[in-house]
Protein backbone atom coordinates (compact mmCIF):
# COMPACT_ATOMS: atom_id res chain seq x y z
CA MET A 1 55.64 63.96 -104.32
CA ALA A 2 55.53 66.88 -102.30
CA ASP A 3 57.32 65.42 -99.07
CA LYS A 4 59.84 64.33 -101.37
CA ASP A 5 60.42 67.77 -102.78
CA THR A 6 60.24 69.46 -98.87
CA ALA A 7 62.80 66.85 -98.22
CA SER A 8 65.18 68.16 -100.91
CA THR A 9 64.49 71.66 -100.42
CA GLU A 10 65.64 71.35 -96.52
CA ASP A 11 69.02 69.28 -97.61
CA ASN A 12 69.66 71.90 -100.16
CA VAL A 13 69.56 74.43 -97.54
CA ARG A 14 71.21 72.67 -95.19
CA ASN A 15 73.87 72.18 -97.51
CA ILE A 16 73.87 75.93 -98.58
CA VAL A 17 74.43 77.04 -94.76
CA SER A 18 76.96 74.71 -94.24
CA LEU A 19 79.20 75.74 -97.43
CA VAL A 20 78.80 79.72 -96.28
CA GLY A 21 80.45 78.34 -92.92
CA GLY A 22 77.05 77.02 -90.98
CA PRO A 23 74.50 79.02 -89.20
CA GLU A 24 77.12 80.36 -86.63
CA ASN A 25 78.96 82.30 -89.14
CA VAL A 26 75.95 83.73 -90.60
CA LYS A 27 74.87 87.20 -89.12
CA SER A 28 71.49 87.87 -91.38
CA VAL A 29 70.02 86.62 -94.39
CA GLY A 30 67.53 88.14 -96.61
CA HIS A 31 66.14 87.53 -100.27
CA CYS A 32 65.27 88.91 -103.27
CA PHE A 33 63.55 88.07 -106.39
CA THR A 34 66.12 85.00 -107.16
CA ARG A 35 68.85 85.34 -104.33
CA LEU A 36 69.54 84.59 -100.47
CA ARG A 37 71.50 87.26 -99.47
CA PHE A 38 73.84 86.37 -96.47
CA ILE A 39 75.53 88.89 -94.58
CA LEU A 40 78.32 86.87 -92.90
CA LYS A 41 80.83 87.31 -90.02
CA ASP A 42 83.74 85.75 -92.11
CA GLU A 43 83.50 85.47 -95.80
CA GLY A 44 86.91 83.68 -95.92
CA VAL A 45 85.24 80.39 -94.80
CA VAL A 46 82.95 80.20 -97.75
CA ASP A 47 83.87 77.22 -100.09
CA LYS A 48 82.87 78.91 -103.10
CA ASP A 49 83.41 76.46 -105.67
CA LYS A 50 81.04 73.64 -103.85
CA LEU A 51 78.58 76.65 -103.43
CA THR A 52 78.18 76.90 -106.83
CA ALA A 53 78.04 73.52 -107.78
CA ALA A 54 75.69 73.03 -104.97
CA ASP A 55 72.18 71.41 -105.77
CA GLY A 56 69.33 74.16 -106.11
CA VAL A 57 72.40 77.08 -106.51
CA MET A 58 72.10 78.36 -109.83
CA GLY A 59 75.31 80.97 -109.10
CA VAL A 60 77.09 82.77 -106.46
CA MET A 61 77.95 86.68 -106.43
CA GLU A 62 79.65 89.05 -103.93
CA ALA A 63 78.19 92.32 -104.05
CA GLY A 64 76.77 95.10 -101.54
CA GLY A 65 79.25 93.32 -98.28
CA GLN A 66 76.83 90.32 -99.23
CA ILE A 67 77.40 86.76 -100.25
CA GLN A 68 74.35 86.40 -102.98
CA VAL A 69 73.47 82.93 -103.66
CA VAL A 70 71.16 82.92 -107.13
CA ILE A 71 68.17 80.01 -106.35
CA GLY A 72 65.75 81.33 -108.96
CA ASN A 73 61.98 81.32 -108.57
CA ASN A 74 61.97 79.06 -105.59
CA VAL A 75 64.05 81.45 -103.75
CA THR A 76 60.91 82.39 -101.09
CA THR A 77 60.43 78.53 -100.43
CA TYR A 78 64.21 78.28 -99.47
CA TYR A 79 64.46 81.77 -97.34
CA ASP A 80 61.24 80.64 -95.42
CA THR A 81 63.01 76.94 -95.18
CA LEU A 82 66.09 78.30 -93.86
CA VAL A 83 64.88 80.41 -91.62
CA LYS A 84 62.54 78.04 -89.89
CA ILE A 85 65.55 75.32 -89.52
CA PHE A 86 68.49 77.73 -88.34
CA ASN A 87 66.34 80.89 -86.85
CA ILE A 88 68.62 83.06 -88.35
CA SER A 89 67.67 86.44 -88.15
CA ALA A 90 66.91 88.70 -91.40
CA ASP A 91 67.64 92.29 -89.66
CA GLY A 92 71.34 92.41 -88.97
CA ASP A 93 72.81 96.15 -88.52
CA VAL A 94 75.35 96.35 -91.02
CA GLU A 95 75.86 100.08 -90.07
CA ALA A 96 77.23 99.43 -86.67
CA GLU A 97 81.06 99.40 -86.31
CA GLU A 98 80.62 95.73 -84.15
CA SER A 99 77.31 93.62 -84.39
CA ALA A 100 75.94 92.63 -81.26
CA ASP A 101 78.35 89.69 -80.66
CA GLY A 102 81.37 91.84 -81.10
CA THR A 103 82.42 90.97 -84.39
CA PRO A 104 83.91 93.35 -86.79
CA LYS A 105 81.79 95.22 -89.09
CA GLN A 106 82.57 94.16 -92.73
CA LYS A 107 84.54 97.18 -94.55
CA MET A 108 82.49 97.92 -97.53
CA LYS A 109 83.30 100.05 -100.81
CA PHE A 110 80.80 103.09 -101.62
CA MET A 111 79.27 101.40 -104.17
CA ASP A 112 78.54 98.51 -101.90
CA LYS A 113 77.04 100.91 -99.16
CA VAL A 114 74.96 102.26 -102.03
CA THR A 115 73.72 98.92 -102.81
CA ASP A 116 73.04 97.55 -99.82
CA LEU A 117 71.18 100.67 -98.43
CA ALA A 118 69.01 100.39 -101.60
CA SER A 119 68.56 96.91 -101.31
CA ALA A 120 67.37 97.23 -97.52
CA ILE A 121 65.07 100.51 -98.14
CA PHE A 122 63.81 99.41 -101.89
CA LEU A 123 63.79 95.54 -102.01
CA PRO A 124 60.67 95.34 -99.69
CA SER A 125 58.70 96.92 -102.04
CA ILE A 126 59.85 96.01 -105.32
CA SER A 127 57.39 93.53 -105.87
CA LEU A 128 54.27 95.60 -104.77
CA LEU A 129 55.51 98.42 -107.30
CA ALA A 130 56.03 95.74 -109.92
CA ALA A 131 52.48 94.34 -109.16
CA CYS A 132 50.61 97.57 -108.92
CA GLY A 133 52.44 99.02 -112.01
CA THR A 134 51.63 96.03 -114.15
CA LEU A 135 47.72 96.77 -112.78
CA GLN A 136 48.06 100.22 -114.07
CA GLY A 137 49.45 99.18 -117.49
CA PHE A 138 46.51 96.59 -117.70
CA LEU A 139 44.06 99.50 -117.07
CA SER A 140 45.70 101.79 -119.62
CA LEU A 141 45.25 98.70 -122.27
CA LEU A 142 41.82 98.04 -121.22
CA THR A 143 40.51 102.08 -121.18
CA THR A 144 42.79 102.80 -124.41
CA PHE A 145 40.66 100.03 -126.37
CA ASN A 146 37.30 100.94 -124.57
CA LEU A 147 37.01 97.90 -122.84
CA MET A 148 36.57 99.32 -119.45
CA SER A 149 35.02 103.02 -118.73
CA THR A 150 36.97 105.30 -116.76
CA THR A 151 33.90 106.45 -114.54
CA SER A 152 32.80 102.93 -113.82
CA GLY A 153 33.02 101.47 -110.09
CA THR A 154 35.07 98.93 -111.36
CA TYR A 155 37.61 101.20 -112.78
CA LEU A 156 37.73 103.11 -109.62
CA VAL A 157 38.56 100.05 -107.46
CA LEU A 158 41.32 99.03 -109.66
CA SER A 159 42.84 102.12 -110.41
CA THR A 160 42.54 103.04 -106.67
CA ILE A 161 44.54 99.44 -106.17
CA ALA A 162 46.99 100.38 -108.67
CA ASP A 163 47.85 103.70 -107.27
CA SER A 164 47.95 103.16 -103.73
CA VAL A 165 51.43 101.64 -103.23
CA PHE A 166 52.84 104.71 -104.98
CA TYR A 167 50.52 107.24 -103.35
CA TYR A 168 51.71 105.94 -100.19
CA PHE A 169 55.25 104.77 -101.19
CA PRO A 170 57.00 107.28 -98.58
CA VAL A 171 55.39 105.18 -95.88
CA PHE A 172 56.63 102.16 -97.08
CA LEU A 173 60.11 103.83 -97.61
CA ALA A 174 60.22 105.07 -93.92
CA TYR A 175 59.24 101.57 -92.36
CA ALA A 176 62.17 99.79 -94.29
CA THR A 177 64.68 102.79 -93.16
CA ALA A 178 63.86 102.43 -89.86
CA LYS A 179 63.94 98.53 -89.83
CA LYS A 180 67.75 99.18 -91.57
CA PHE A 181 68.81 101.74 -88.84
CA GLY A 182 67.11 100.24 -85.90
CA GLY A 183 64.43 102.67 -85.02
CA ARG A 184 60.54 102.02 -84.71
CA PRO A 185 59.01 101.85 -87.76
CA PHE A 186 55.74 102.90 -86.52
CA TYR A 187 57.39 106.64 -85.56
CA SER A 188 59.08 106.84 -89.17
CA MET A 189 55.58 105.71 -90.47
CA ILE A 190 53.95 108.43 -88.48
CA ILE A 191 56.28 111.18 -89.79
CA ALA A 192 55.74 109.77 -93.62
CA PHE A 193 51.93 109.87 -92.91
CA VAL A 194 52.38 113.36 -91.73
CA LEU A 195 54.45 114.48 -94.91
CA ILE A 196 51.18 113.47 -97.54
CA HIS A 197 48.67 114.27 -94.52
CA PRO A 198 45.91 116.06 -96.83
CA ASN A 199 46.08 118.90 -94.24
CA ILE A 200 49.71 119.33 -95.82
CA THR A 201 48.74 118.58 -99.26
CA THR A 202 45.86 121.16 -99.56
CA ALA A 203 48.02 123.85 -98.15
CA ALA A 204 50.82 123.14 -100.27
CA SER A 205 48.18 123.35 -103.43
CA SER A 206 46.35 126.55 -102.02
CA GLY A 207 48.96 128.91 -102.69
CA ASP A 208 48.94 130.37 -99.15
CA THR A 209 51.75 131.24 -97.07
CA TYR A 210 52.38 129.34 -93.81
CA SER A 211 55.30 129.57 -91.20
CA PHE A 212 56.28 127.66 -88.36
CA LEU A 213 57.47 129.58 -85.32
CA GLY A 214 58.09 132.45 -87.49
CA ILE A 215 60.14 129.87 -90.02
CA PRO A 216 58.56 130.12 -93.56
CA LEU A 217 57.22 126.67 -94.91
CA VAL A 218 57.91 125.70 -98.35
CA LEU A 219 54.90 123.07 -98.63
CA MET A 220 55.06 120.75 -100.92
CA ASN A 221 52.93 117.28 -101.97
CA TYR A 222 54.93 114.28 -100.94
CA SER A 223 52.77 111.61 -102.01
CA LYS A 224 55.06 109.45 -104.27
CA SER A 225 58.14 110.82 -103.29
CA VAL A 226 61.28 108.97 -102.18
CA PHE A 227 64.18 110.89 -100.24
CA PRO A 228 62.08 113.41 -97.87
CA ALA A 229 60.85 109.92 -96.04
CA ILE A 230 64.09 107.84 -96.19
CA LEU A 231 66.27 111.12 -94.82
CA SER A 232 63.43 111.92 -92.18
CA SER A 233 63.26 108.23 -91.11
CA TYR A 234 67.13 107.92 -90.72
CA LEU A 235 66.95 111.59 -88.49
CA ALA A 236 64.10 109.86 -86.60
CA CYS A 237 66.03 106.77 -85.70
CA LYS A 238 68.89 108.92 -84.33
CA ILE A 239 66.89 111.00 -82.36
CA GLU A 240 65.34 108.04 -81.13
CA LYS A 241 68.36 106.61 -79.73
CA VAL A 242 68.96 109.71 -77.90
CA ALA A 243 65.84 110.35 -76.38
CA ARG A 244 65.87 106.80 -75.30
CA LYS A 245 68.91 107.38 -73.29
CA ILE A 246 67.87 110.45 -71.19
CA ILE A 247 64.33 110.04 -70.73
CA PRO A 248 63.42 108.04 -67.35
CA ASP A 249 62.22 104.59 -67.80
CA ALA A 250 58.63 105.31 -66.28
CA ILE A 251 57.59 108.28 -68.95
CA LYS A 252 59.60 106.83 -72.10
CA MET A 253 56.45 105.46 -73.70
CA ILE A 254 54.68 108.52 -74.20
CA PHE A 255 57.83 111.21 -74.55
CA VAL A 256 60.23 109.27 -76.69
CA PRO A 257 57.58 109.32 -79.74
CA LEU A 258 56.68 112.72 -78.94
CA ILE A 259 60.32 114.28 -78.88
CA VAL A 260 61.02 112.18 -82.20
CA PHE A 261 57.70 113.95 -83.72
CA LEU A 262 58.45 117.04 -82.46
CA ILE A 263 61.90 117.50 -83.63
CA THR A 264 61.86 115.67 -86.46
CA VAL A 265 58.46 116.65 -88.59
CA PRO A 266 59.49 120.47 -88.36
CA ILE A 267 62.98 119.44 -89.88
CA ALA A 268 61.44 117.26 -92.50
CA LEU A 269 59.35 120.09 -93.66
CA LEU A 270 61.43 123.00 -93.42
CA VAL A 271 64.50 121.67 -94.61
CA ILE A 272 64.73 117.89 -95.68
CA GLY A 273 61.43 117.82 -98.05
CA PRO A 274 62.41 120.97 -100.13
CA VAL A 275 66.13 120.36 -100.27
CA THR A 276 66.04 116.71 -101.30
CA THR A 277 63.08 117.57 -103.58
CA TRP A 278 65.03 120.41 -105.14
CA LEU A 279 68.38 118.17 -105.47
CA MET A 280 66.38 115.01 -107.01
CA ASN A 281 64.74 117.45 -109.79
CA LEU A 282 68.29 118.68 -110.62
CA VAL A 283 69.02 115.20 -111.16
CA THR A 284 66.02 114.36 -112.95
CA THR A 285 66.66 117.33 -115.13
CA GLY A 286 70.32 116.23 -115.59
CA ILE A 287 69.24 112.69 -116.80
CA THR A 288 66.51 114.77 -119.10
CA MET A 289 68.89 116.73 -120.71
CA LEU A 290 71.56 113.68 -121.25
CA TYR A 291 68.48 111.75 -122.85
CA ASP A 292 67.31 114.78 -124.98
CA PHE A 293 71.06 115.63 -126.05
CA SER A 294 71.48 111.83 -127.31
CA PRO A 295 68.86 109.47 -126.74
CA VAL A 296 70.45 107.03 -129.18
CA VAL A 297 73.42 106.72 -127.03
CA THR A 298 71.82 106.98 -123.95
CA GLY A 299 69.55 104.02 -124.72
CA ALA A 300 72.01 102.08 -126.34
CA VAL A 301 74.46 102.04 -123.07
CA ALA A 302 71.33 101.68 -120.57
CA GLY A 303 70.05 98.88 -122.60
CA GLY A 304 73.58 97.23 -122.76
CA ILE A 305 74.88 97.86 -119.62
CA TRP A 306 71.86 96.72 -117.31
CA GLN A 307 71.93 93.16 -116.95
CA ILE A 308 75.69 93.72 -115.91
CA LEU A 309 74.20 95.75 -113.20
CA VAL A 310 71.60 93.23 -112.45
CA LEU A 311 74.74 90.50 -112.54
CA PHE A 312 76.54 92.46 -109.90
CA GLY A 313 73.45 92.60 -108.12
CA ILE A 314 73.87 96.91 -108.09
CA SER A 315 71.14 97.62 -110.16
CA LYS A 316 68.69 98.11 -107.34
CA ALA A 317 70.55 101.25 -106.24
CA PHE A 318 69.37 102.96 -109.33
CA ILE A 319 65.80 102.88 -108.27
CA PRO A 320 65.31 105.90 -106.80
CA LEU A 321 66.22 107.21 -109.77
CA PHE A 322 63.50 105.86 -111.62
CA THR A 323 61.17 106.50 -108.69
CA SER A 324 62.17 110.54 -108.59
CA ASP A 325 61.58 110.42 -112.40
CA LEU A 326 58.02 109.06 -112.21
CA ALA A 327 57.07 111.14 -109.57
CA THR A 328 58.34 114.28 -111.01
CA ASN A 329 57.89 113.72 -114.72
CA GLY A 330 55.31 111.33 -114.53
CA TYR A 331 57.50 109.06 -116.98
CA SER A 332 60.71 107.60 -116.96
CA ALA A 333 62.31 106.99 -120.78
CA LEU A 334 64.97 104.49 -119.10
CA ILE A 335 62.24 102.53 -117.88
CA ALA A 336 61.32 101.13 -121.38
CA VAL A 337 65.08 100.60 -122.03
CA VAL A 338 65.99 98.65 -118.88
CA PHE A 339 62.90 96.96 -117.81
CA PHE A 340 61.78 95.90 -121.32
CA ALA A 341 64.43 95.75 -124.13
CA SER A 342 67.20 94.71 -121.65
CA VAL A 343 64.97 91.94 -120.41
CA LEU A 344 63.66 90.78 -123.32
CA ALA A 345 67.19 90.41 -125.03
CA GLN A 346 68.11 88.01 -122.16
CA VAL A 347 65.13 85.88 -122.83
CA GLY A 348 66.08 85.85 -126.50
CA SER A 349 69.20 84.41 -125.73
CA VAL A 350 68.26 81.51 -123.48
CA LEU A 351 65.27 80.65 -125.53
CA ALA A 352 67.47 80.50 -128.64
CA TYR A 353 70.21 78.41 -126.90
CA CYS A 354 67.79 75.98 -125.19
CA ALA A 355 65.92 75.77 -128.84
CA ARG A 356 69.20 74.44 -130.22
CA SER A 357 69.84 71.75 -127.52
CA LYS A 358 69.26 68.54 -127.25
CA ASN A 359 69.44 68.11 -123.84
CA GLU A 360 65.86 67.49 -122.29
CA LYS A 361 67.56 69.54 -118.64
CA ILE A 362 68.54 72.64 -120.44
CA ARG A 363 65.41 72.93 -122.13
CA GLN A 364 63.57 72.50 -119.33
CA VAL A 365 65.27 75.26 -117.25
CA GLY A 366 65.61 77.51 -120.34
CA VAL A 367 61.78 77.59 -121.06
CA ALA A 368 61.16 78.05 -117.40
CA SER A 369 63.86 80.93 -117.51
CA ALA A 370 62.19 82.53 -120.28
CA ILE A 371 58.47 82.39 -118.51
CA SER A 372 60.38 84.36 -115.59
CA GLY A 373 62.27 86.96 -117.92
CA CYS A 374 58.53 87.43 -119.37
CA PHE A 375 57.53 88.75 -116.00
CA GLY A 376 60.89 90.90 -115.74
CA ILE A 377 63.00 88.54 -114.01
CA THR A 378 66.03 87.85 -115.70
CA GLU A 379 68.30 86.22 -113.24
CA PRO A 380 67.09 82.62 -113.83
CA ALA A 381 67.76 82.70 -117.73
CA MET A 382 71.47 84.38 -116.60
CA PHE A 383 72.69 82.10 -114.06
CA GLY A 384 70.69 79.07 -115.27
CA ILE A 385 72.17 79.05 -118.87
CA ASN A 386 73.31 82.27 -120.54
CA ILE A 387 76.37 83.35 -118.22
CA PRO A 388 77.62 79.81 -117.48
CA ALA A 389 77.42 79.04 -121.31
CA ARG A 390 78.95 82.74 -121.79
CA LYS A 391 78.12 83.71 -125.43
CA PRO A 392 74.42 84.00 -125.17
CA TYR A 393 74.84 86.41 -122.22
CA VAL A 394 77.23 88.66 -124.29
CA PHE A 395 74.27 88.46 -127.06
CA GLY A 396 71.94 89.27 -124.62
CA LEU A 397 73.86 92.60 -123.88
CA ILE A 398 74.15 93.41 -127.52
CA GLY A 399 70.45 92.89 -127.94
CA GLY A 400 69.59 94.60 -125.07
CA ALA A 401 71.81 97.70 -126.52
CA ALA A 402 70.47 97.55 -130.02
CA GLY A 403 66.39 97.44 -128.17
CA GLY A 404 67.57 100.44 -126.32
CA LEU A 405 68.84 102.41 -129.04
CA VAL A 406 65.72 101.68 -130.90
CA ALA A 407 63.52 102.31 -128.00
CA ALA A 408 65.04 105.63 -127.26
CA LEU A 409 65.07 106.72 -131.05
CA PHE A 410 61.41 106.47 -130.93
CA GLY A 411 60.80 108.04 -127.93
CA ALA A 412 59.69 105.54 -125.71
CA LYS A 413 58.70 105.91 -122.11
CA GLY A 414 57.67 103.91 -119.10
CA TYR A 415 54.64 105.48 -116.88
CA SER A 416 55.09 102.99 -114.22
CA PHE A 417 57.07 100.07 -113.03
CA GLY A 418 55.97 97.36 -115.05
CA ALA A 419 58.65 94.88 -116.75
CA GLY A 420 59.03 92.37 -119.63
CA LEU A 421 55.52 91.02 -121.68
CA ILE A 422 53.42 91.24 -118.48
CA GLY A 423 54.25 95.09 -118.07
CA ILE A 424 53.67 96.36 -121.60
CA GLY A 425 50.85 98.16 -120.59
CA SER A 426 52.82 100.18 -118.51
CA LEU A 427 54.57 101.83 -121.86
CA LEU A 428 50.90 103.37 -122.56
CA GLY A 429 50.84 107.09 -121.56
CA PRO A 430 47.83 109.51 -121.07
CA GLU A 431 47.80 110.07 -124.76
CA GLY A 432 47.26 106.01 -125.38
CA VAL A 433 48.84 104.15 -128.23
CA ASP A 434 51.25 106.38 -129.95
CA MET A 435 54.47 106.51 -131.29
CA SER A 436 56.31 106.14 -127.96
CA PHE A 437 54.61 103.20 -127.26
CA TYR A 438 55.16 101.57 -130.65
CA GLY A 439 58.89 102.47 -129.77
CA GLY A 440 58.76 100.57 -126.88
CA LEU A 441 57.21 97.41 -128.32
CA LEU A 442 59.62 97.96 -131.44
CA GLY A 443 62.59 98.13 -128.87
CA MET A 444 61.40 94.96 -127.18
CA VAL A 445 61.46 93.08 -130.55
CA VAL A 446 64.55 94.13 -131.84
CA ALA A 447 66.34 93.36 -128.50
CA PHE A 448 64.85 89.72 -128.53
CA ALA A 449 65.46 89.44 -132.32
CA ILE A 450 68.94 90.05 -132.34
CA ALA A 451 69.82 88.02 -129.09
CA PHE A 452 67.99 85.15 -130.31
CA ALA A 453 69.48 85.14 -133.76
CA ALA A 454 72.96 85.76 -132.58
CA THR A 455 72.69 83.04 -130.23
CA TRP A 456 71.13 80.42 -132.42
CA PHE A 457 73.52 80.94 -135.00
CA PHE A 458 76.95 81.75 -133.18
CA GLY A 459 76.21 81.15 -129.25
CA TRP A 460 75.42 77.37 -129.11
CA SER A 461 77.92 74.71 -129.14
CA LYS A 462 78.14 71.46 -127.92
CA GLU A 463 81.36 72.16 -125.77
CA SER A 464 79.52 75.18 -123.86
CA GLU A 465 76.38 72.92 -123.72
CA ASP A 466 78.72 70.17 -121.97
CA ALA A 467 80.24 72.67 -119.92
CA LEU A 468 76.95 73.30 -117.94
CA LYS A 469 76.76 70.06 -116.82
CA MET A 470 73.29 69.43 -116.81
């Protein structure tokens, strides 16, 4: 059976690559939780109708200057098989005016560029954030109900695991940024380590005055921060390219990184860090003010449109805002809406649809998609059933809006990157079980119930089921 499955996967992968124009048309390929993301030399040769109908494919999107092929939970297997068979690079430089072989750079709209950057920089860490955020949620549940002591060695080890990715997040971002812009990742990682080095964090908390070459330093604690590491890494990549051109080969090994560090780190500490922190504080304050001004409207809008952003592959562009919110306030109200209420609404829709259906294949896809949704991953539900059947997707959006409204009304907040049922513990704050936590749960229940009921009564039909061709 395993050999048969492997053969089927290889056949499907070969067919997918053929339908996007063959390996010679692929500049690079990557993947997220559910999608293969192709950057192509010529999108015009893609046979989108056949690609959408191909075995193993749940949908096809054009977003972020990419052809995104929705595979579902098996995307990692497909990706590994594709790279193994065709030896296609996943690190294409889409920022260059031309690729290495002289093919023109694809013109991307502003939002496409933002999405492309956010995907390249944040996607490699999303699974880590989700895993550690979920662990934080479990620990919150265990300590809230006195099932584990915060003074125990077990808690010490597990909480350190849970917090590690958030504390060292600048280092992960620095690595991904360097990969994106063609620099040496280790150079950028060193710069990020400087930003969060105990010497810097201790000096920042001491209240003492420091200067660099007579210029006053505004020191801050950059652990868990986002943009200082990204922009510093981008600058380091540019400086590195210049340094490699002017420094003789005999001494490049030592003096290229040395020059990168001596130029980038002072600029990061003197300018980039303070300015970006100030700007993101303004953005966070603005979002908080908007939420405080009308939490009901903000929650309803966010809950209603989030899965549209997921559909078009641009939801990752908003991850920096959530991350900044967590770093600044210790929580994000929108997390409780978009990662919980919005998600459970799509789960409710797909479960209602497959419950009404007599088609065994639809039921199998629906249940599997719902399980993925419980882990916060909605693409299998959306592309497998909800969007092709249309009405379930719309009712899922409506349910998400209703759930977001309720969650916001009760002041629900997310304290880490949890999602779906598995991440409920992320809704627990320092005060433990309170109205915020109950509000988050109620928002999920309302979102699920409305989407399920609407799909059950109005979202299923024999005609829509036949159109799924399962």
